[in-house]
Amino acid sequence: METKSGSEIEADNIRRKRNSGSDRQKLDDINNNPCLEEANASYRCLHQNNFDRDSCTKYFLNYKNCRKFWGSLIRERKGKGLVPALPNKEERDKILENISVK
């Protein structure tokens, strides 16, 4: 089992405070949030750099690009009538593999 450092735990706590209720459950689940790792990396960076946003620009851009990619894929799948609009984790991994091979 993977243990979290103090900064990772603190970043998770900050993220949870910002997202409450059912939204938090959706955002904390890798099946509902394809960019969970990128979001967590952004929060960890902020915490480790005393919330200096300029130090974390690459993490923010990575998260933004992730959201943009999966958002466009969801719109495309909805347009085609595919259900679910967001592929499950295994399908997403295959999609990412295919992209990185090209």
Protein backbone atom coordinates (compact mmCIF):
# COMPACT_ATOMS: atom_id res chain seq x y z
CA MET A 1 0.00 0.00 0.00
CA GLU A 2 1.23 3.46 -0.90
CA THR A 3 1.74 5.91 1.96
CA LYS A 4 1.31 9.63 1.50
CA SER A 5 3.71 12.27 2.67
CA GLY A 6 2.57 15.12 4.88
CA SER A 7 2.37 17.51 1.93
CA GLU A 8 0.29 15.04 -0.09
CA ILE A 9 -2.14 14.63 2.79
CA GLU A 10 -2.36 18.40 3.27
CA ALA A 11 -2.97 18.91 -0.47
CA ASP A 12 -5.75 16.31 -0.36
CA ASN A 13 -7.31 18.08 2.64
CA ILE A 14 -7.25 21.43 0.83
CA ARG A 15 -8.84 19.89 -2.26
CA ARG A 16 -11.55 18.23 -0.17
CA LYS A 17 -12.42 21.49 1.58
CA ARG A 18 -12.90 23.20 -1.78
CA ASN A 19 -15.13 20.41 -3.12
CA SER A 20 -17.88 19.31 -0.78
CA GLY A 21 -20.70 16.79 -0.88
CA SER A 22 -21.41 14.68 -3.94
CA ASP A 23 -19.09 16.83 -6.05
CA ARG A 24 -16.19 15.74 -3.87
CA GLN A 25 -17.10 12.09 -4.31
CA LYS A 26 -17.14 12.54 -8.09
CA LEU A 27 -13.85 14.41 -8.16
CA ASP A 28 -12.08 11.97 -5.82
CA ASP A 29 -12.97 8.94 -7.95
CA ILE A 30 -10.60 8.08 -10.80
CA ASN A 31 -13.56 6.57 -12.67
CA ASN A 32 -15.34 9.95 -12.71
CA ASN A 33 -12.32 12.24 -12.95
CA PRO A 34 -9.78 11.32 -15.63
CA CYS A 35 -7.54 14.18 -14.48
CA LEU A 36 -7.37 13.25 -10.80
CA GLU A 37 -3.61 12.64 -10.85
CA GLU A 38 -2.99 15.98 -12.55
CA ALA A 39 -5.25 17.78 -10.07
CA ASN A 40 -3.50 16.18 -7.11
CA ALA A 41 -0.09 17.08 -8.55
CA SER A 42 -1.21 20.72 -8.83
CA TYR A 43 -2.40 20.82 -5.23
CA ARG A 44 0.80 19.16 -4.00
CA CYS A 45 2.91 21.67 -5.91
CA LEU A 46 0.98 24.59 -4.41
CA HIS A 47 1.42 23.22 -0.93
CA GLN A 48 5.13 22.47 -1.39
CA ASN A 49 5.77 25.95 -2.80
CA ASN A 50 3.89 27.89 -0.13
CA PHE A 51 1.00 28.51 -2.55
CA ASP A 52 3.17 30.40 -5.04
CA ARG A 53 1.16 29.87 -8.23
CA ASP A 54 4.05 30.90 -10.48
CA SER A 55 6.06 27.91 -9.28
CA CYS A 56 3.35 25.50 -10.37
CA THR A 57 2.57 26.73 -13.88
CA LYS A 58 3.59 23.48 -15.59
CA TYR A 59 1.26 21.50 -13.31
CA PHE A 60 -1.63 23.86 -14.04
CA LEU A 61 -1.02 23.60 -17.79
CA ASN A 62 -0.86 19.83 -17.58
CA TYR A 63 -4.19 19.76 -15.72
CA LYS A 64 -5.75 22.22 -18.17
CA ASN A 65 -4.62 20.14 -21.15
CA CYS A 66 -5.96 16.99 -19.52
CA ARG A 67 -9.38 18.58 -18.93
CA LYS A 68 -9.42 19.95 -22.47
CA PHE A 69 -8.57 16.55 -23.99
CA TRP A 70 -11.10 14.53 -22.01
CA GLY A 71 -13.75 17.25 -22.35
CA SER A 72 -13.48 17.16 -26.14
CA LEU A 73 -13.62 13.35 -26.10
CA ILE A 74 -16.75 13.45 -23.93
CA ARG A 75 -18.43 15.94 -26.29
CA GLU A 76 -17.49 13.77 -29.27
CA ARG A 77 -18.88 10.61 -27.64
CA LYS A 78 -22.09 12.38 -26.60
CA GLY A 79 -22.49 13.61 -30.18
CA LYS A 80 -22.20 10.03 -31.41
CA GLY A 81 -24.66 8.82 -28.77
CA LEU A 82 -22.07 6.65 -27.01
CA VAL A 83 -22.81 5.74 -23.40
CA PRO A 84 -21.12 6.38 -21.08
CA ALA A 85 -19.76 9.63 -22.42
CA LEU A 86 -16.65 9.25 -20.26
CA PRO A 87 -14.94 5.90 -20.92
CA ASN A 88 -14.01 3.81 -17.89
CA LYS A 89 -10.44 3.77 -16.57
CA GLU A 90 -9.35 0.78 -18.66
CA GLU A 91 -10.69 2.29 -21.88
CA ARG A 92 -9.05 5.63 -21.09
CA ASP A 93 -5.71 3.89 -20.56
CA LYS A 94 -6.05 2.23 -23.98
CA ILE A 95 -6.92 5.57 -25.60
CA LEU A 96 -3.82 7.16 -24.05
CA GLU A 97 -1.66 4.23 -25.18
CA ASN A 98 -2.91 4.63 -28.75
CA ILE A 99 -2.14 8.35 -28.69
CA SER A 100 1.38 7.87 -27.34
CA VAL A 101 2.16 5.19 -29.97
CA LYS A 102 1.29 7.50 -32.88
